[in-house]
């Protein structure tokens, strides 16, 4: 008996050749049939009026014999041009239909499965979420009013959008398009207020969007560390939400999260320092005192003024706790206060503090008024221990919570929705309970877009459980190129799933050769393919839909690229000019105006 052999799974090249062969045969048969029909129709109209019996070969090869009543020009039109054009039309329709219905990406989401994220699906959903869009055809809803553009799906570059109740998480390595293809296009297209956190200004989202956003509303630039060298033309009351214990505790939590990672945030000194900070914030806020008073109290641990202020405001339990800390063992008290001083150290810089204390010379930023505007708030901070990221996180948190409160008092949702792009969230905007906020922000028309460089970066900030909670709460997850974490790549591969691959077996024996086809299961995208995802491509994980592969659309490929580029260059030049002017000042400080 001859040995049996098993062939490898059919390759894409083999499948393509087979499809090409079948297509060519089908096109030839279609052309011949259409030639016979068209020739007979032409003979009825301009020939002798007879109807020839079916003979496809003769219709193509010897049309003059089949229809002797047709002249040369009539034969050219009815036997060559008309059936040729009809065949091309049928072939194009067949190819388009096949491309739309085939399982793109060998197991990734089909077009029909992505329907809720395509033009009609998101438009209809937007009309139910936004009363201002109701009462019109879905085609009359402008694309940018339908939802957030995530990218396009091939073939046909069909736009894929998130709805106005989705909450987004993007994990993309540096230089993979997270700013150019995600943050900037989303900001430029936003129909309502926009918040952006960033640690860069020149040649980034700030400069690319500043001019365009200034044309639709007021631009507030919160730049305490002079990243954009922007003059101070606003102030924000950092203690506005600290007039109850819960708000003061949240504010202290931002300073704690900005200073230590999640793994170190629950030890004795960190917890005690955060509680002390919360008490001091509450004491200052209850009596409308500036946050600089908190710094003075931290510098004098024996000062009983905040204890008296808390008692006068009726916060007896907090006053008793702070009194216990102040009256406790000197070594313990000083250790707690020193830790708290380290957490609040960014406020020691008068240029940073100036942005968060009352100033009659510049307007006050009001988060509640911002929620119903078309304004833009840029929150800029450096990275590192001496940065103002605690203040940035507190401001971003205040804006999102104020937006939720406004939404609850105006029908349940903001219309238009507020877009909150938390770029470099792990570096400059560490909101401790962000995973919990994700569970209800979208239902209020507050759309967060948290952008991280890696999954482990999120674990550093929120811990393993917190990052898992954020991942689960995000209804839209966009994964770009540069995933070098082997565990995360394998996790993504498993989430994408498996598919069946046909395997052909050929057996030779004395009685002849037999062929059988079986299937085996393999990963749709193995971990190495996830890691090798090319720039400009991204994986989409949407709730209730199989993963899809998208092509990102950076702003410089859009129709307004030249205008945006020009505005970005102008804004960058302005930053450069302000930086030079700042350097030329004797004290090196920025001016208010």
Protein backbone atom coordinates (compact mmCIF):
# COMPACT_ATOMS: atom_id res chain seq x y z
CA UNK A 1 0.00 0.00 0.00
CA UNK A 2 1.23 3.44 -0.85
CA UNK A 3 1.71 5.84 2.06
CA UNK A 4 -0.90 8.47 2.77
CA UNK A 5 -0.06 12.13 2.94
CA UNK A 6 -1.82 15.17 4.36
CA UNK A 7 -1.56 18.56 2.76
CA UNK A 8 -1.21 21.80 4.67
CA UNK A 9 -4.20 24.08 5.00
CA UNK A 10 -5.03 25.88 1.81
CA UNK A 11 -3.14 29.14 1.54
CA UNK A 12 -4.65 32.54 0.75
CA UNK A 13 -2.80 32.53 -2.57
CA UNK A 14 -4.33 29.20 -3.57
CA UNK A 15 -7.79 30.39 -2.53
CA UNK A 16 -7.33 33.59 -4.51
CA UNK A 17 -6.31 31.71 -7.67
CA UNK A 18 -9.29 29.38 -7.32
CA UNK A 19 -11.65 32.34 -6.83
CA UNK A 20 -10.08 34.08 -9.82
CA UNK A 21 -10.56 30.99 -12.00
CA UNK A 22 -14.17 30.54 -10.93
CA UNK A 23 -14.81 34.25 -11.44
CA UNK A 24 -13.32 34.22 -14.93
CA UNK A 25 -15.44 31.24 -15.98
CA UNK A 26 -18.53 32.87 -14.50
CA UNK A 27 -17.82 36.17 -16.22
CA UNK A 28 -17.32 34.44 -19.58
CA UNK A 29 -20.58 32.50 -19.22
CA UNK A 30 -22.41 35.67 -18.17
CA UNK A 31 -21.01 37.63 -21.11
CA UNK A 32 -21.99 34.94 -23.59
CA UNK A 33 -25.54 34.70 -22.21
CA UNK A 34 -25.96 38.46 -22.17
CA UNK A 35 -24.60 38.65 -25.74
CA UNK A 36 -27.29 36.25 -26.94
CA UNK A 37 -30.03 38.21 -25.15
CA UNK A 38 -28.72 41.60 -26.26
CA UNK A 39 -28.21 40.45 -29.87
CA UNK A 40 -31.78 39.21 -30.08
CA UNK A 41 -33.10 42.45 -28.59
CA UNK A 42 -31.08 44.41 -31.14
CA UNK A 43 -32.36 42.23 -33.95
CA UNK A 44 -35.92 42.88 -32.82
CA UNK A 45 -35.33 46.63 -32.74
CA UNK A 46 -33.13 47.28 -35.78
CA UNK A 47 -32.79 43.95 -37.64
CA UNK A 48 -35.17 41.54 -39.32
CA UNK A 49 -37.19 40.98 -36.16
CA UNK A 50 -36.37 37.28 -35.74
CA UNK A 51 -35.35 35.64 -32.43
CA UNK A 52 -32.40 33.24 -32.71
CA UNK A 53 -32.34 30.06 -30.64
CA UNK A 54 -29.88 29.96 -27.77
CA UNK A 55 -26.32 29.42 -28.91
CA UNK A 56 -23.87 31.23 -26.62
CA UNK A 57 -20.73 30.35 -28.57
CA UNK A 58 -22.15 31.50 -31.88
CA UNK A 59 -23.41 34.69 -30.27
CA UNK A 60 -19.86 35.59 -29.26
CA UNK A 61 -17.80 34.12 -32.10
CA UNK A 62 -20.13 34.40 -35.15
CA UNK A 63 -22.80 37.01 -34.37
CA UNK A 64 -23.14 37.96 -38.05
CA UNK A 65 -24.29 34.41 -38.88
CA UNK A 66 -26.75 34.35 -35.98
CA UNK A 67 -28.22 37.79 -36.82
CA UNK A 68 -27.63 38.50 -40.48
CA UNK A 69 -30.06 41.42 -40.40
CA UNK A 70 -27.74 43.52 -38.17
CA UNK A 71 -25.19 45.82 -39.72
CA UNK A 72 -21.59 46.22 -38.45
CA UNK A 73 -22.40 49.19 -36.20
CA UNK A 74 -25.46 47.50 -34.74
CA UNK A 75 -23.44 44.34 -34.05
CA UNK A 76 -20.77 46.42 -32.28
CA UNK A 77 -23.34 48.09 -30.06
CA UNK A 78 -25.68 45.16 -29.34
CA UNK A 79 -23.21 42.28 -29.30
CA UNK A 80 -20.11 43.87 -27.82
CA UNK A 81 -20.72 47.14 -25.96
CA UNK A 82 -24.09 46.47 -24.29
CA UNK A 83 -23.30 42.96 -22.98
CA UNK A 84 -19.78 44.05 -22.02
CA UNK A 85 -21.05 46.91 -19.87
CA UNK A 86 -23.76 44.70 -18.37
CA UNK A 87 -21.19 42.03 -17.50
CA UNK A 88 -18.93 44.60 -15.81
CA UNK A 89 -21.86 45.92 -13.79
CA UNK A 90 -22.86 42.43 -12.66
CA UNK A 91 -19.25 41.56 -11.81
CA UNK A 92 -18.80 44.76 -9.80
CA UNK A 93 -22.03 44.12 -7.90
CA UNK A 94 -21.02 40.54 -7.18
CA UNK A 95 -17.57 41.56 -5.92
CA UNK A 96 -19.03 44.32 -3.73
CA UNK A 97 -21.59 41.94 -2.28
CA UNK A 98 -18.93 39.33 -1.58
CA UNK A 99 -16.68 41.89 0.09
CA UNK A 100 -19.53 43.11 2.29
CA UNK A 101 -20.66 39.67 3.37
CA UNK A 102 -17.38 37.78 3.61
CA UNK A 103 -15.85 37.23 7.02
CA UNK A 104 -13.25 39.98 6.90
CA UNK A 105 -10.06 39.18 8.78
CA UNK A 106 -10.64 35.42 8.93
CA UNK A 107 -12.99 35.41 11.90
CA UNK A 108 -13.26 39.09 12.83
CA UNK A 109 -16.57 40.94 12.85
CA UNK A 110 -18.58 40.99 9.64
CA UNK A 111 -20.05 44.24 8.37
CA UNK A 112 -23.52 43.15 9.42
CA UNK A 113 -22.29 42.57 12.97
CA UNK A 114 -20.88 46.11 13.08
CA UNK A 115 -24.22 47.62 12.02
CA UNK A 116 -24.82 49.34 15.41
CA UNK A 117 -21.55 51.25 14.88
CA UNK A 118 -22.11 52.15 11.23
CA UNK A 119 -23.82 55.21 9.77
CA UNK A 120 -27.48 54.26 10.17
CA UNK A 121 -27.05 52.47 13.48
CA UNK A 122 -25.25 55.31 15.27
CA UNK A 123 -27.49 57.96 13.68
CA UNK A 124 -30.67 56.28 14.88
CA UNK A 125 -29.11 55.77 18.32
CA UNK A 126 -28.03 59.42 18.45
CA UNK A 127 -31.61 60.53 17.79
CA UNK A 128 -32.80 58.57 20.83
CA UNK A 129 -29.98 59.90 23.02
CA UNK A 130 -30.08 63.53 21.88
CA UNK A 131 -33.51 65.21 21.71
CA UNK A 132 -32.07 67.97 19.51
CA UNK A 133 -31.62 65.42 16.70
CA UNK A 134 -35.10 63.90 16.87
CA UNK A 135 -37.71 64.34 14.17
CA UNK A 136 -35.50 64.01 11.13
CA UNK A 137 -34.32 61.24 8.83
CA UNK A 138 -31.19 59.46 10.00
CA UNK A 139 -29.48 60.59 6.80
CA UNK A 140 -30.08 64.19 7.81
CA UNK A 141 -28.04 63.74 10.98
CA UNK A 142 -24.54 65.12 10.33
CA UNK A 143 -21.79 62.49 10.63
CA UNK A 144 -20.12 64.21 13.59
CA UNK A 145 -23.47 64.39 15.40
CA UNK A 146 -23.94 60.65 15.05
CA UNK A 147 -21.05 59.62 17.28
CA UNK A 148 -17.30 59.46 17.78
CA UNK A 149 -15.30 58.39 14.73
CA UNK A 150 -13.05 55.46 15.66
CA UNK A 151 -11.72 54.57 12.21
CA UNK A 152 -12.78 52.90 9.01
CA UNK A 153 -13.34 49.30 8.05
CA UNK A 154 -12.24 47.85 4.76
CA UNK A 155 -13.46 47.29 2.16
CA UNK A 156 -15.01 50.58 1.21
CA UNK A 157 -13.51 52.56 4.10
CA UNK A 158 -16.81 52.41 5.95
CA UNK A 159 -16.79 54.71 8.98
CA UNK A 160 -17.11 53.04 12.37
CA UNK A 161 -18.33 55.25 15.23
CA UNK A 162 -19.02 54.95 18.94
CA UNK A 163 -22.41 56.15 20.17
CA UNK A 164 -23.05 59.03 22.58
CA UNK A 165 -23.44 56.66 25.49
CA UNK A 166 -20.24 54.68 24.99
CA UNK A 167 -17.26 55.12 27.28
CA UNK A 168 -13.88 54.58 25.64
CA UNK A 169 -10.52 53.14 26.60
CA UNK A 170 -7.59 53.33 24.19
CA UNK A 171 -4.32 51.48 24.73
CA UNK A 172 -1.78 52.62 22.18
CA UNK A 173 1.99 52.84 22.30
CA UNK A 174 3.77 56.15 21.61
CA UNK A 175 3.81 57.14 17.94
CA UNK A 176 1.01 54.73 17.11
CA UNK A 177 -1.59 57.39 16.34
CA UNK A 178 -3.23 57.88 19.74
CA UNK A 179 -3.04 61.66 19.40
CA UNK A 180 -3.10 62.22 15.63
CA UNK A 181 -5.74 59.59 14.81
CA UNK A 182 -7.82 59.58 17.98
CA UNK A 183 -7.53 62.56 20.33
CA UNK A 184 -7.26 65.34 17.74
CA UNK A 185 -10.03 64.15 15.35
CA UNK A 186 -12.40 63.56 18.29
CA UNK A 187 -11.78 67.03 19.70
CA UNK A 188 -12.18 68.74 16.34
CA UNK A 189 -15.48 66.98 15.68
CA UNK A 190 -16.99 67.30 19.17
CA UNK A 191 -20.41 69.03 19.12
CA UNK A 192 -20.31 70.08 22.78
CA UNK A 193 -17.81 71.00 25.52
CA UNK A 194 -14.38 69.36 25.42
CA UNK A 195 -11.85 68.63 28.14
CA UNK A 196 -8.31 67.54 27.30
CA UNK A 197 -5.54 66.53 29.68
CA UNK A 198 -2.01 66.42 28.32
CA UNK A 199 1.64 66.69 29.25
CA UNK A 200 2.64 68.27 25.92
CA UNK A 201 1.65 71.41 24.06
CA UNK A 202 3.77 72.20 21.00
CA UNK A 203 3.01 70.08 17.92
CA UNK A 204 0.41 68.11 19.83
CA UNK A 205 -3.34 68.04 20.46
CA UNK A 206 -3.23 71.44 22.12
CA UNK A 207 -1.80 73.32 19.14
CA UNK A 208 -3.71 71.27 16.55
CA UNK A 209 -7.12 72.00 18.08
CA UNK A 210 -6.74 75.36 19.82
CA UNK A 211 -7.68 77.51 16.84
CA UNK A 212 -10.63 75.39 15.73
CA UNK A 213 -12.10 75.16 19.22
CA UNK A 214 -11.67 78.90 19.73
CA UNK A 215 -14.01 79.34 16.77
CA UNK A 216 -16.91 77.47 18.43
CA UNK A 217 -16.61 78.55 22.06
CA UNK A 218 -14.39 79.95 24.77
CA UNK A 219 -11.03 78.29 25.34
CA UNK A 220 -9.82 77.87 28.92
CA UNK A 221 -6.16 76.98 29.24
CA UNK A 222 -5.08 75.70 32.67
CA UNK A 223 -1.30 75.75 32.44
CA UNK A 224 0.14 76.06 35.98
CA UNK A 225 3.56 74.68 35.01
CA UNK A 226 3.81 76.72 31.83
CA UNK A 227 3.98 73.84 29.37
CA UNK A 228 2.41 76.07 26.74
CA UNK A 229 3.75 79.22 28.42
CA UNK A 230 0.17 80.40 28.42
CA UNK A 231 -0.62 83.53 30.46
CA UNK A 232 -2.92 83.02 33.43
CA UNK A 233 -6.34 84.20 32.27
CA UNK A 234 -8.45 82.08 34.61
CA UNK A 235 -8.60 80.66 38.08
CA UNK A 236 -10.44 77.65 39.42
CA UNK A 237 -11.57 77.16 43.00
CA UNK A 238 -9.93 73.87 43.94
CA UNK A 239 -11.87 73.82 47.23
CA UNK A 240 -15.31 74.38 45.67
CA UNK A 241 -16.24 70.69 45.98
CA UNK A 242 -14.50 70.21 49.35
CA UNK A 243 -17.22 71.83 51.45
CA UNK A 244 -18.41 68.44 52.62
CA UNK A 245 -16.33 65.57 53.90
CA UNK A 246 -16.87 63.38 50.81
CA UNK A 247 -15.63 66.15 48.51
CA UNK A 248 -12.65 66.92 50.74
CA UNK A 249 -11.80 63.23 50.84
CA UNK A 250 -11.89 63.03 47.03
CA UNK A 251 -9.63 66.06 46.74
CA UNK A 252 -7.11 64.58 49.16
CA UNK A 253 -7.28 61.34 47.20
CA UNK A 254 -6.10 63.12 44.06
CA UNK A 255 -2.99 64.36 45.85
CA UNK A 256 -2.37 60.89 47.24
CA UNK A 257 -2.79 59.19 43.84
CA UNK A 258 -0.47 61.71 42.18
CA UNK A 259 2.30 60.92 44.67
CA UNK A 260 2.18 57.15 45.16
CA UNK A 261 1.14 54.12 43.15
CA UNK A 262 -1.88 52.06 44.06
CA UNK A 263 0.29 49.43 45.73
CA UNK A 264 1.59 51.98 48.26
CA UNK A 265 -1.54 54.04 48.76
CA UNK A 266 -2.97 52.00 51.63
CA UNK A 267 -0.10 51.95 54.15
CA UNK A 268 -0.42 53.75 57.50
CA UNK A 269 1.42 56.94 56.60
CA UNK A 270 -0.34 57.39 53.27
CA UNK A 271 -3.79 56.80 54.76
CA UNK A 272 -3.17 59.04 57.76
CA UNK A 273 -1.72 61.82 55.58
CA UNK A 274 -4.68 61.65 53.19
CA UNK A 275 -7.13 61.84 56.12
CA UNK A 276 -5.28 64.85 57.52
CA UNK A 277 -5.26 66.57 54.15
CA UNK A 278 -8.99 65.93 53.78
CA UNK A 279 -9.64 67.48 57.22
CA UNK A 280 -7.56 70.55 56.39
CA UNK A 281 -9.21 70.97 52.99
CA UNK A 282 -12.63 70.73 54.67
CA UNK A 283 -11.66 73.31 57.30
CA UNK A 284 -10.50 75.79 54.65
CA UNK A 285 -13.44 75.19 52.29
CA UNK A 286 -16.06 75.47 55.04
CA UNK A 287 -14.96 79.03 55.74
CA UNK A 288 -14.13 80.04 52.14
CA UNK A 289 -10.43 80.25 52.89
CA UNK A 290 -7.84 79.79 50.12
CA UNK A 291 -5.93 76.56 49.73
CA UNK A 292 -2.74 78.39 50.72
CA UNK A 293 -4.04 78.36 54.31
CA UNK A 294 -3.81 74.56 54.17
CA UNK A 295 -0.11 74.88 53.38
CA UNK A 296 0.35 77.17 56.40
CA UNK A 297 -1.39 74.65 58.67
CA UNK A 298 0.74 71.83 57.29
CA UNK A 299 3.86 73.82 58.12
CA UNK A 300 2.73 74.13 61.78
CA UNK A 301 1.43 70.76 62.97
CA UNK A 302 0.61 72.16 66.42
CA UNK A 303 -1.69 74.86 64.99
CA UNK A 304 -5.22 74.19 66.29
CA UNK A 305 -6.89 76.71 63.96
CA UNK A 306 -8.24 74.08 61.52
CA UNK A 307 -9.66 72.11 64.47
CA UNK A 308 -11.59 75.16 65.64
CA UNK A 309 -12.78 75.95 62.12
CA UNK A 310 -14.11 72.42 61.69
CA UNK A 311 -15.93 72.58 65.00
CA UNK A 312 -17.44 75.97 64.13
CA UNK A 313 -18.71 74.55 60.81
CA UNK A 314 -20.37 71.61 62.57
CA UNK A 315 -17.91 68.95 61.43
CA UNK A 316 -17.44 67.64 64.95
CA UNK A 317 -16.29 64.12 64.07
CA UNK A 318 -13.65 65.38 61.65
CA UNK A 319 -12.56 68.01 64.18
CA UNK A 320 -12.17 65.31 66.84
CA UNK A 321 -10.08 63.15 64.51
CA UNK A 322 -7.81 66.03 63.56
CA UNK A 323 -7.52 67.02 67.22
CA UNK A 324 -6.38 63.50 68.00
CA UNK A 325 -3.69 63.71 65.32
CA UNK A 326 -2.50 67.14 66.50
CA UNK A 327 -2.44 66.07 70.14
CA UNK A 328 -0.88 62.68 69.50
CA UNK A 329 2.70 61.57 69.84
CA UNK A 330 4.97 64.20 68.35
CA UNK A 331 6.92 61.73 66.23
CA UNK A 332 3.75 60.24 64.75
CA UNK A 333 2.12 63.63 64.20
CA UNK A 334 5.19 65.06 62.51
CA UNK A 335 5.50 61.98 60.30
CA UNK A 336 1.87 62.29 59.18
CA UNK A 337 2.20 66.01 58.50
CA UNK A 338 5.49 65.57 56.66
CA UNK A 339 3.89 62.95 54.41
CA UNK A 340 0.93 65.27 53.78
CA UNK A 341 3.33 68.12 53.00
CA UNK A 342 4.99 65.96 50.36
CA UNK A 343 1.64 65.17 48.77
CA UNK A 344 0.64 68.85 48.59
CA UNK A 345 4.11 70.10 47.67
CA UNK A 346 3.09 71.26 44.18
CA UNK A 347 1.01 74.02 45.81
CA UNK A 348 4.17 75.47 47.35
CA UNK A 349 4.98 76.88 43.93
CA UNK A 350 3.24 80.27 43.88
CA UNK A 351 2.74 80.02 40.11
CA UNK A 352 0.83 76.78 40.57
CA UNK A 353 -1.15 78.03 43.56
CA UNK A 354 -2.14 81.21 41.70
CA UNK A 355 -4.32 79.16 39.33
CA UNK A 356 -6.46 77.73 42.16
CA UNK A 357 -6.98 80.67 44.52
CA UNK A 358 -9.41 83.59 44.06
CA UNK A 359 -8.25 86.39 41.78
CA UNK A 360 -10.53 89.28 40.86
CA UNK A 361 -8.31 90.21 37.92
CA UNK A 362 -9.15 87.12 35.84
CA UNK A 363 -12.39 85.14 35.21
CA UNK A 364 -13.29 82.17 37.37
CA UNK A 365 -13.79 78.83 35.64
CA UNK A 366 -17.14 77.28 36.56
CA UNK A 367 -17.41 73.51 35.83
CA UNK A 368 -21.23 73.61 35.92
CA UNK A 369 -21.47 76.39 33.35
CA UNK A 370 -18.85 74.62 31.24
CA UNK A 371 -21.07 71.51 31.00
CA UNK A 372 -23.75 73.38 29.05
CA UNK A 373 -21.40 75.33 26.78
CA UNK A 374 -19.30 74.60 23.73
CA UNK A 375 -16.16 75.69 25.52
CA UNK A 376 -12.85 73.85 25.69
CA UNK A 377 -10.70 73.25 28.76
CA UNK A 378 -7.06 72.30 28.30
CA UNK A 379 -5.50 70.88 31.46
CA UNK A 380 -1.73 70.78 31.09
CA UNK A 381 0.80 69.35 33.53
CA UNK A 382 4.27 67.92 33.55
CA UNK A 383 5.07 64.43 34.74
CA UNK A 384 7.12 63.52 37.80
CA UNK A 385 6.91 64.07 41.52
CA UNK A 386 6.94 67.89 41.40
CA UNK A 387 4.22 68.13 38.76
CA UNK A 388 0.77 69.63 39.12
CA UNK A 389 -0.93 66.41 38.09
CA UNK A 390 -2.89 66.26 41.36
CA UNK A 391 -4.43 69.63 40.53
CA UNK A 392 -5.12 68.51 36.94
CA UNK A 393 -6.79 65.31 38.15
CA UNK A 394 -8.89 67.30 40.62
CA UNK A 395 -9.98 69.73 37.90
CA UNK A 396 -10.85 66.94 35.44
CA UNK A 397 -12.78 65.09 38.14
CA UNK A 398 -14.65 68.28 39.09
CA UNK A 399 -15.64 68.90 35.46
CA UNK A 400 -16.95 65.37 34.91
CA UNK A 401 -18.84 65.27 38.21
CA UNK A 402 -20.34 68.71 37.59
CA UNK A 403 -21.43 67.57 34.13
CA UNK A 404 -23.17 64.56 35.66
CA UNK A 405 -24.96 66.79 38.16
CA UNK A 406 -26.08 69.18 35.42
CA UNK A 407 -27.29 66.23 33.30
CA UNK A 408 -29.30 64.81 36.17
CA UNK A 409 -31.06 68.16 36.51
CA UNK A 410 -31.80 68.56 32.80
CA UNK A 411 -33.52 65.39 31.70
CA UNK A 412 -30.81 62.88 32.54
CA UNK A 413 -28.36 63.52 29.72
CA UNK A 414 -26.29 66.36 28.31
CA UNK A 415 -27.22 67.44 24.80
CA UNK A 416 -24.80 68.02 23.19
CA UNK A 417 -22.65 65.58 25.15
CA UNK A 418 -19.41 66.52 26.87
CA UNK A 419 -16.22 64.91 25.58
CA UNK A 420 -13.44 64.28 28.12
CA UNK A 421 -10.20 63.16 26.48
CA UNK A 422 -7.89 61.98 29.25
CA UNK A 423 -4.68 61.72 27.26
CA UNK A 424 -1.68 60.49 29.25
CA UNK A 425 -4.17 59.63 31.98
CA UNK A 426 -1.71 57.51 33.95
CA UNK A 427 0.86 60.30 33.96
CA UNK A 428 -1.10 63.52 34.53
CA UNK A 429 -4.69 62.59 35.46
CA UNK A 430 -4.79 59.86 38.08
CA UNK A 431 -8.44 59.78 39.17
CA UNK A 432 -8.55 56.97 41.71
CA UNK A 433 -12.14 55.87 41.15
CA UNK A 434 -12.18 56.38 37.39
CA UNK A 435 -13.17 52.71 36.84
CA UNK A 436 -16.26 53.31 38.97
CA UNK A 437 -17.11 56.57 37.21
CA UNK A 438 -17.08 54.72 33.88
CA UNK A 439 -20.15 52.75 34.92
CA UNK A 440 -22.44 55.79 34.71
CA UNK A 441 -20.71 58.64 32.87
CA UNK A 442 -21.91 57.49 29.45
CA UNK A 443 -25.53 57.31 30.58
CA UNK A 444 -25.35 61.02 31.44
CA UNK A 445 -23.90 62.18 28.13
CA UNK A 446 -20.41 62.57 29.56
CA UNK A 447 -18.08 60.65 27.25
CA UNK A 448 -14.65 59.81 28.71
CA UNK A 449 -11.83 58.69 26.44
CA UNK A 450 -8.97 57.38 28.58
CA UNK A 451 -5.73 56.94 26.63
CA UNK A 452 -2.95 54.75 28.03
CA UNK A 453 0.37 53.63 26.58
CA UNK A 454 0.03 50.08 27.91
CA UNK A 455 -2.18 47.89 30.04
CA UNK A 456 0.48 47.65 32.73
CA UNK A 457 0.59 51.42 32.96
CA UNK A 458 -3.03 51.31 34.04
CA UNK A 459 -2.29 48.56 36.55
CA UNK A 460 0.36 50.78 38.13
CA UNK A 461 -2.24 53.50 38.77
CA UNK A 462 -5.39 51.55 39.59
CA UNK A 463 -3.99 48.17 40.54
CA UNK A 464 -4.73 44.89 38.83
CA UNK A 465 -8.35 44.77 40.01
CA UNK A 466 -8.95 48.44 39.20
CA UNK A 467 -7.53 48.16 35.70
CA UNK A 468 -9.59 45.04 35.07
CA UNK A 469 -12.64 46.99 36.23
CA UNK A 470 -11.80 49.87 33.87
CA UNK A 471 -11.34 47.43 31.00
CA UNK A 472 -14.67 45.76 31.73
CA UNK A 473 -16.55 49.04 32.18
CA UNK A 474 -15.33 50.53 28.89
CA UNK A 475 -17.92 49.73 26.22
CA UNK A 476 -15.47 50.61 23.44
CA UNK A 477 -11.83 49.53 23.58
CA UNK A 478 -9.33 50.54 20.89
CA UNK A 479 -5.99 48.71 20.84
CA UNK A 480 -3.33 50.18 18.61
CA UNK A 481 0.09 49.00 17.51
CA UNK A 482 3.08 48.51 19.78
CA UNK A 483 1.65 45.94 22.22
CA UNK A 484 4.88 44.44 23.55
CA UNK A 485 3.41 42.93 26.72
CA UNK A 486 3.33 39.19 25.99
CA UNK A 487 0.63 38.47 28.58
CA UNK A 488 -1.63 41.24 27.31
CA UNK A 489 -1.06 40.22 23.67
CA UNK A 490 -2.03 36.65 24.55
CA UNK A 491 -5.09 37.91 26.41
CA UNK A 492 -6.19 39.91 23.39
CA UNK A 493 -5.58 36.92 21.15
CA UNK A 494 -7.81 34.77 23.34
CA UNK A 495 -10.50 37.45 23.40
CA UNK A 496 -10.49 37.63 19.61
CA UNK A 497 -11.08 33.89 19.59
CA UNK A 498 -10.52 30.92 17.30
CA UNK A 499 -11.75 29.88 13.88
CA UNK A 500 -11.84 26.70 11.85
CA UNK A 501 -9.19 26.19 9.17
CA UNK A 502 -9.82 23.56 6.47
CA UNK A 503 -7.17 20.86 6.06
CA UNK A 504 -7.07 18.62 2.99
CA UNK A 505 -5.84 15.02 3.36
CA UNK A 506 -4.84 12.95 0.32
CA UNK A 507 -4.45 9.17 0.63
CA UNK A 508 -2.82 7.02 -2.07
CA UNK A 509 -3.55 3.31 -2.04
CA UNK A 510 -3.66 0.37 -4.43
CA UNK A 511 -7.27 1.14 -5.21
CA UNK A 512 -6.53 4.74 -6.10
CA UNK A 513 -6.31 8.15 -4.50
CA UNK A 514 -8.89 9.57 -2.07
CA UNK A 515 -9.20 13.10 -0.74
CA UNK A 516 -10.88 14.25 2.43
CA UNK A 517 -11.29 17.67 4.01
CA UNK A 518 -11.35 18.23 7.76
CA UNK A 519 -11.11 21.30 9.96
CA UNK A 520 -8.84 22.29 12.79
CA UNK A 521 -9.09 25.20 15.21
CA UNK A 522 -6.51 27.96 15.48
CA UNK A 523 -6.32 31.52 16.76
CA UNK A 524 -7.76 34.20 14.51
CA UNK A 525 -4.90 36.49 15.52
CA UNK A 526 -2.09 34.78 17.44
CA UNK A 527 -0.15 36.89 19.97
CA UNK A 528 2.68 37.55 17.53
CA UNK A 529 0.18 38.97 15.02
CA UNK A 530 -1.31 41.20 17.72
CA UNK A 531 2.17 42.48 18.54
CA UNK A 532 2.98 43.02 14.85
CA UNK A 533 -0.14 45.12 14.24
CA UNK A 534 1.01 47.80 11.83
CA UNK A 535 0.86 51.52 12.52
CA UNK A 536 -2.40 53.00 11.38
CA UNK A 537 -4.34 49.87 12.31
CA UNK A 538 -6.23 49.13 15.51
CA UNK A 539 -8.31 46.39 17.07
CA UNK A 540 -11.81 47.33 18.14
CA UNK A 541 -13.54 45.60 21.05
CA UNK A 542 -17.13 46.78 21.38
CA UNK A 543 -19.66 45.40 23.82
CA UNK A 544 -21.78 42.68 22.24
CA UNK A 545 -19.84 42.66 18.95
CA UNK A 546 -17.02 40.45 17.78
CA UNK A 547 -13.63 42.18 17.55
CA UNK A 548 -12.93 44.10 14.36
CA UNK A 549 -9.86 45.45 12.64
CA UNK A 550 -9.96 49.16 11.84
CA UNK A 551 -7.89 51.57 9.82
CA UNK A 552 -7.21 54.74 11.78
CA UNK A 553 -7.81 58.11 10.17
CA UNK A 554 -5.25 60.70 11.33
CA UNK A 555 -6.19 64.36 11.09
CA UNK A 556 -3.55 65.07 8.43
CA UNK A 557 -5.36 62.77 6.00
CA UNK A 558 -8.64 64.62 6.40
CA UNK A 559 -10.12 67.32 4.15
CA UNK A 560 -9.16 70.11 6.59
CA UNK A 561 -5.55 68.97 6.97
CA UNK A 562 -4.03 72.14 5.49
CA UNK A 563 -6.12 74.42 7.70
CA UNK A 564 -5.34 72.42 10.83
CA UNK A 565 -1.64 72.24 10.00
CA UNK A 566 -1.50 75.99 9.48
CA UNK A 567 -3.30 76.65 12.78
CA UNK A 568 -1.00 74.20 14.56
CA UNK A 569 2.10 75.93 13.22
CA UNK A 570 0.74 79.30 14.33
CA UNK A 571 -0.06 78.02 17.82
CA UNK A 572 3.37 76.38 18.11
CA UNK A 573 5.03 79.61 17.01
CA UNK A 574 3.06 81.48 19.69
CA UNK A 575 4.28 79.03 22.33
CA UNK A 576 7.85 79.55 21.15
CA UNK A 577 7.45 83.32 21.31
CA UNK A 578 6.00 83.17 24.82
CA UNK A 579 8.80 80.87 25.93
CA UNK A 580 11.40 83.35 24.68
CA UNK A 581 9.64 86.23 26.38
CA UNK A 582 9.47 84.27 29.62
CA UNK A 583 13.18 83.50 29.45
CA UNK A 584 13.93 87.17 28.87
CA UNK A 585 12.11 88.24 32.05
CA UNK A 586 14.47 88.80 35.00
CA UNK A 587 12.43 86.58 37.34
CA UNK A 588 11.63 84.00 34.65
CA UNK A 589 7.93 84.13 35.56
CA UNK A 590 4.89 84.44 33.36
CA UNK A 591 2.61 87.45 33.42
CA UNK A 592 -1.12 87.41 34.04
CA UNK A 593 -2.13 89.10 30.81
